[in-house]
Amino acid sequence: MLIFLAFLYFFLACSVIWLALFPGGRASVLQVLGMLQRRLQWRVGGWQRSGNATLRASWSGARGAWFDGRRMLRRHWAWFAVGVPLVLIPTLLALLMRRPDMLPDYEPADTVVDAQVAALLKGEQLVPPAALPPLAFGTREVELVRPMLVDASRNWGLLRPEFSQRLLLVFKIMKEKYGYEMALLEGYRSPARQDMLAGMGSQVTNARAFQSWHQYGLAADCAFWRDSKLVISEKDPWAMRGYQLYGEVAESLGLTWGGRWTMMDFGHAELRMRGVMRH
């Protein structure tokens, strides 16, 4: 669909330039419109013409337009040499640099993941880890990085299984392969809480109620558990390395990682499912 729109833009832009810069182009268009008007008048007036005569007239008009176009191209070749690249190059660059998630309200189809991962997701049902003590989320260090985290929901049961099983698999890989123990900071988020966080400023979130995948049980914010403490800040080199690994693992399982966003959210991961978010 995006490619079709890009080519449609290219065609329309070329047409506008043609009509704006070349009088011959406008004359050809007027000629074609006049021919269509005459044909319509013939039909309304009930004029009877033979099929062969009509075909000859149409063929003659098409040949005339073709030769007029060739003459115009030869006469104004310099304009075409400059104008066509000006239209074509931005279009091609847009196609090469496009990212689907740049579009508002984009909802991709389910991501195809590695066959072994898909088999694991369909087979073994991973169990959430034991809940961390509530005091771990209310320390001064945590409040400085993630305010209002004490009241956040960490109920795995409120997350959709399609997402929670992928996220638990991320946790498993991070611990067994890289030695990072993950912690869920926040999963499901109510619309009221989403609006409250949005009211705290863009440094917290840009999404209002129902504009975040948290409201659909398809997003979570995570961090690391080390020495009986939460490690959230990416200023910690060990944590920053963990976030990079976390993003790679999450993306390999078909999740979207917030570390690639303009307003980077390294601990965020979400599963975008078609037909879920309507706003």
Protein backbone atom coordinates (compact mmCIF):
# COMPACT_ATOMS: atom_id res chain seq x y z
CA MET A 1 0.00 0.00 0.00
CA LEU A 2 2.84 2.42 0.87
CA ILE A 3 4.55 1.71 -2.45
CA PHE A 4 1.30 2.36 -4.34
CA LEU A 5 0.86 5.70 -2.55
CA ALA A 6 4.45 6.69 -3.34
CA PHE A 7 3.98 5.98 -7.05
CA LEU A 8 0.63 7.78 -6.99
CA TYR A 9 2.38 10.81 -5.49
CA PHE A 10 5.07 10.60 -8.18
CA PHE A 11 2.46 10.45 -10.95
CA LEU A 12 0.46 13.37 -9.57
CA ALA A 13 3.57 15.48 -8.98
CA CYS A 14 4.77 14.89 -12.54
CA SER A 15 1.32 15.77 -13.87
CA VAL A 16 1.20 19.02 -11.92
CA ILE A 17 4.70 20.02 -13.09
CA TRP A 18 3.76 19.15 -16.66
CA LEU A 19 0.62 21.27 -16.56
CA ALA A 20 2.28 24.16 -14.73
CA LEU A 21 5.41 24.51 -16.87
CA PHE A 22 4.39 23.44 -20.36
CA PRO A 23 1.64 25.21 -22.29
CA GLY A 24 1.61 22.31 -24.72
CA GLY A 25 0.64 20.02 -21.84
CA ARG A 26 -2.31 22.18 -20.91
CA ALA A 27 -3.35 22.33 -24.53
CA SER A 28 -3.24 18.53 -24.82
CA VAL A 29 -5.33 18.11 -21.70
CA LEU A 30 -7.86 20.62 -22.96
CA GLN A 31 -7.94 18.82 -26.28
CA VAL A 32 -8.66 15.49 -24.58
CA LEU A 33 -11.33 17.05 -22.37
CA GLY A 34 -12.91 18.67 -25.42
CA MET A 35 -12.95 15.32 -27.21
CA LEU A 36 -14.62 13.68 -24.20
CA GLN A 37 -17.18 16.48 -24.06
CA ARG A 38 -18.03 16.04 -27.75
CA ARG A 39 -18.40 12.30 -27.30
CA LEU A 40 -20.73 12.88 -24.36
CA GLN A 41 -22.79 15.33 -26.41
CA TRP A 42 -23.01 12.81 -29.19
CA ARG A 43 -24.38 10.23 -26.77
CA VAL A 44 -26.91 12.63 -25.22
CA GLY A 45 -28.05 13.89 -28.61
CA GLY A 46 -28.59 10.37 -29.80
CA TRP A 47 -26.17 10.65 -32.66
CA GLN A 48 -25.64 7.36 -34.33
CA ARG A 49 -22.15 6.61 -35.44
CA SER A 50 -20.75 3.37 -36.63
CA GLY A 51 -18.36 1.48 -34.38
CA ASN A 52 -15.55 1.65 -36.91
CA ALA A 53 -15.82 5.40 -37.30
CA THR A 54 -15.71 5.92 -33.54
CA LEU A 55 -12.71 3.62 -33.23
CA ARG A 56 -10.87 5.48 -36.00
CA ALA A 57 -11.60 8.82 -34.36
CA SER A 58 -10.34 7.57 -30.99
CA TRP A 59 -7.23 6.06 -32.53
CA SER A 60 -6.54 9.26 -34.43
CA GLY A 61 -6.90 11.32 -31.25
CA ALA A 62 -4.58 8.99 -29.33
CA ARG A 63 -1.94 9.13 -32.07
CA GLY A 64 -2.20 12.91 -32.14
CA ALA A 65 -1.69 13.10 -28.36
CA TRP A 66 1.28 10.73 -28.61
CA PHE A 67 3.01 12.79 -31.29
CA ASP A 68 2.26 16.01 -29.40
CA GLY A 69 3.86 14.52 -26.30
CA ARG A 70 6.97 13.49 -28.22
CA ARG A 71 7.32 16.93 -29.74
CA MET A 72 6.92 18.56 -26.36
CA LEU A 73 9.54 16.23 -24.83
CA ARG A 74 12.05 17.10 -27.55
CA ARG A 75 11.31 20.81 -27.23
CA HIS A 76 11.55 20.94 -23.41
CA TRP A 77 14.03 18.17 -22.69
CA ALA A 78 16.05 20.40 -20.35
CA TRP A 79 13.03 20.99 -18.10
CA PHE A 80 12.34 17.27 -17.95
CA ALA A 81 16.00 16.53 -17.19
CA VAL A 82 15.79 18.77 -14.11
CA GLY A 83 12.17 18.24 -13.02
CA VAL A 84 11.95 14.45 -13.16
CA PRO A 85 14.91 13.82 -10.81
CA LEU A 86 13.54 16.44 -8.40
CA VAL A 87 10.33 14.41 -8.15
CA LEU A 88 11.79 10.92 -8.47
CA ILE A 89 14.70 11.17 -6.01
CA PRO A 90 12.62 12.17 -2.93
CA THR A 91 10.11 9.45 -3.76
CA LEU A 92 12.80 6.77 -3.98
CA LEU A 93 14.46 8.01 -0.78
CA ALA A 94 11.11 7.84 1.02
CA LEU A 95 10.65 4.25 -0.14
CA LEU A 96 14.16 3.20 0.88
CA MET A 97 14.04 4.89 4.29
CA ARG A 98 10.46 4.06 5.15
CA ARG A 99 9.51 2.36 8.42
CA PRO A 100 5.94 1.13 8.84
CA ASP A 101 5.72 2.30 12.42
CA MET A 102 6.26 5.87 11.28
CA LEU A 103 2.63 5.91 10.21
CA PRO A 104 0.07 6.95 12.83
CA ASP A 105 -2.28 4.18 13.93
CA TYR A 106 -0.08 1.60 12.24
CA GLU A 107 -0.87 -1.92 13.39
CA PRO A 108 1.39 -4.57 11.89
CA ALA A 109 0.47 -8.16 11.32
CA ASP A 110 1.76 -10.72 13.78
CA THR A 111 5.54 -11.01 13.43
CA VAL A 112 6.92 -14.31 12.22
CA VAL A 113 9.55 -15.50 14.69
CA ASP A 114 12.15 -18.23 14.61
CA ALA A 115 10.67 -21.72 14.22
CA GLN A 116 12.24 -22.98 17.47
CA VAL A 117 10.92 -19.97 19.36
CA ALA A 118 7.47 -20.44 17.87
CA ALA A 119 7.49 -24.10 18.91
CA LEU A 120 8.52 -23.16 22.44
CA LEU A 121 5.78 -20.55 22.68
CA LYS A 122 3.18 -23.09 21.59
CA GLY A 123 4.53 -25.79 23.86
CA GLU A 124 5.92 -24.94 27.26
CA GLN A 125 3.82 -22.52 29.32
CA LEU A 126 6.25 -20.36 31.25
CA VAL A 127 5.37 -19.36 34.81
CA PRO A 128 5.88 -15.79 36.12
CA PRO A 129 8.68 -15.35 38.65
CA ALA A 130 7.98 -14.77 42.32
CA ALA A 131 6.77 -11.27 43.13
CA LEU A 132 9.35 -8.86 44.47
CA PRO A 133 8.76 -7.16 47.83
CA PRO A 134 6.69 -3.94 47.45
CA LEU A 135 9.38 -1.93 49.28
CA ALA A 136 11.74 -2.55 46.36
CA PHE A 137 9.62 -0.24 44.18
CA GLY A 138 9.44 2.64 46.67
CA THR A 139 13.09 3.43 47.31
CA ARG A 140 14.47 6.90 46.66
CA GLU A 141 16.67 5.61 43.83
CA VAL A 142 13.66 4.09 42.08
CA GLU A 143 11.47 7.18 42.62
CA LEU A 144 14.07 9.41 40.99
CA VAL A 145 14.00 7.33 37.81
CA ARG A 146 10.41 6.05 37.78
CA PRO A 147 8.03 8.14 39.91
CA MET A 148 4.65 6.69 40.91
CA LEU A 149 5.93 3.14 40.43
CA VAL A 150 4.66 1.91 43.80
CA ASP A 151 1.05 1.96 42.56
CA ALA A 152 1.81 0.28 39.24
CA SER A 153 0.26 -3.09 38.39
CA ARG A 154 2.63 -6.05 38.22
CA ASN A 155 -0.10 -8.64 37.85
CA TRP A 156 0.98 -11.03 35.09
CA GLY A 157 -2.60 -12.30 34.89
CA LEU A 158 -3.74 -8.97 33.43
CA LEU A 159 -1.40 -9.37 30.45
CA ARG A 160 -2.56 -11.17 27.34
CA PRO A 161 -1.01 -14.65 27.04
CA GLU A 162 0.33 -13.90 23.54
CA PHE A 163 2.45 -11.16 25.08
CA SER A 164 3.18 -12.51 28.56
CA GLN A 165 4.61 -15.78 27.23
CA ARG A 166 6.97 -13.91 24.93
CA LEU A 167 8.03 -11.62 27.75
CA LEU A 168 8.61 -14.53 30.13
CA LEU A 169 10.73 -16.16 27.45
CA VAL A 170 12.74 -12.95 27.27
CA PHE A 171 13.24 -13.17 31.03
CA LYS A 172 14.36 -16.79 30.73
CA ILE A 173 16.87 -16.13 27.96
CA MET A 174 18.27 -13.07 29.73
CA LYS A 175 18.91 -15.07 32.89
CA GLU A 176 20.17 -18.33 31.40
CA LYS A 177 22.22 -16.90 28.53
CA TYR A 178 23.40 -13.53 29.83
CA GLY A 179 23.06 -13.75 33.62
CA TYR A 180 20.59 -10.87 33.98
CA GLU A 181 17.64 -11.36 36.31
CA MET A 182 14.71 -9.34 35.03
CA ALA A 183 11.97 -7.64 37.03
CA LEU A 184 8.54 -6.47 35.89
CA LEU A 185 8.04 -2.82 36.82
CA GLU A 186 4.61 -2.29 35.29
CA GLY A 187 2.34 -4.33 33.04
CA TYR A 188 -1.32 -3.49 32.56
CA ARG A 189 -2.07 0.21 33.05
CA SER A 190 -5.57 1.58 33.52
CA PRO A 191 -6.79 4.46 31.31
CA ALA A 192 -6.98 6.73 34.38
CA ARG A 193 -3.37 6.00 35.32
CA GLN A 194 -2.27 6.53 31.72
CA ASP A 195 -3.86 9.99 31.69
CA MET A 196 -2.32 10.77 35.07
CA LEU A 197 1.18 9.86 33.85
CA ALA A 198 0.66 11.82 30.62
CA GLY A 199 -0.27 14.83 32.72
CA MET A 200 3.16 14.68 34.38
CA GLY A 201 4.82 15.70 31.12
CA SER A 202 6.32 14.30 27.94
CA GLN A 203 9.39 13.09 29.85
CA VAL A 204 7.10 10.45 31.39
CA THR A 205 4.86 9.54 28.43
CA ASN A 206 3.30 11.11 25.34
CA ALA A 207 0.41 8.65 25.21
CA ARG A 208 -3.02 9.41 26.62
CA ALA A 209 -5.61 6.83 27.63
CA PHE A 210 -6.05 4.01 25.09
CA GLN A 211 -3.10 5.31 23.06
CA SER A 212 -0.73 2.93 24.84
CA TRP A 213 -0.49 -0.84 24.50
CA HIS A 214 -0.40 -0.99 28.31
CA GLN A 215 -4.19 -0.53 28.31
CA TYR A 216 -4.60 -3.68 26.25
CA GLY A 217 -2.32 -5.92 28.31
CA LEU A 218 0.24 -5.95 25.51
CA ALA A 219 3.05 -3.86 26.97
CA ALA A 220 5.36 -3.93 29.97
CA ASP A 221 8.19 -1.93 31.50
CA CYS A 222 11.05 -4.00 32.88
CA ALA A 223 14.37 -3.54 34.67
CA PHE A 224 17.01 -5.63 36.42
CA TRP A 225 17.25 -7.18 39.88
CA ARG A 226 20.78 -7.20 41.31
CA ASP A 227 21.93 -7.62 44.89
CA SER A 228 18.34 -7.39 46.17
CA LYS A 229 17.84 -4.00 44.48
CA LEU A 230 16.15 -2.76 41.35
CA VAL A 231 18.56 -1.33 38.78
CA ILE A 232 16.67 0.90 36.35
CA SER A 233 18.92 3.78 35.31
CA GLU A 234 20.79 3.30 32.05
CA LYS A 235 23.61 5.39 33.52
CA ASP A 236 24.79 2.13 35.08
CA PRO A 237 27.06 0.53 32.40
CA TRP A 238 26.03 -2.95 33.51
CA ALA A 239 22.34 -2.04 33.17
CA MET A 240 22.86 -0.34 29.80
CA ARG A 241 24.51 -3.48 28.45
CA GLY A 242 21.54 -5.43 29.82
CA TYR A 243 19.04 -3.15 28.10
CA GLN A 244 20.78 -3.65 24.77
CA LEU A 245 20.65 -7.42 25.17
CA TYR A 246 17.05 -7.19 26.37
CA GLY A 247 16.10 -5.24 23.23
CA GLU A 248 17.79 -7.77 20.95
CA VAL A 249 16.06 -10.72 22.62
CA ALA A 250 12.67 -8.98 22.69
CA GLU A 251 12.84 -8.11 18.99
CA SER A 252 13.90 -11.67 18.12
CA LEU A 253 10.62 -12.82 19.69
CA GLY A 254 8.48 -10.42 17.67
CA LEU A 255 8.18 -7.68 20.28
CA THR A 256 8.66 -3.95 19.71
CA TRP A 257 11.41 -2.46 21.88
CA GLY A 258 11.16 1.10 23.19
CA GLY A 259 14.91 1.59 22.98
CA ARG A 260 14.58 2.40 19.27
CA TRP A 261 12.09 5.22 19.74
CA THR A 262 12.87 8.92 19.51
CA MET A 263 12.01 9.22 23.21
CA MET A 264 13.91 6.08 24.17
CA ASP A 265 12.32 3.79 26.76
CA PHE A 266 14.89 1.02 27.19
CA GLY A 267 12.85 -1.14 29.56
CA HIS A 268 9.66 -1.05 27.48
CA ALA A 269 8.49 -3.88 25.23
CA GLU A 270 5.12 -4.36 23.53
CA LEU A 271 3.33 -6.70 21.18
CA ARG A 272 1.41 -4.86 18.47
CA MET A 273 -1.55 -6.90 17.35
CA ARG A 274 -3.77 -6.06 14.41
CA GLY A 275 -7.26 -4.91 15.23
CA VAL A 276 -6.65 -4.30 18.95
CA MET A 277 -5.87 -0.59 19.26
CA ARG A 278 -8.70 1.43 17.75
CA HIS A 279 -7.57 4.93 18.70
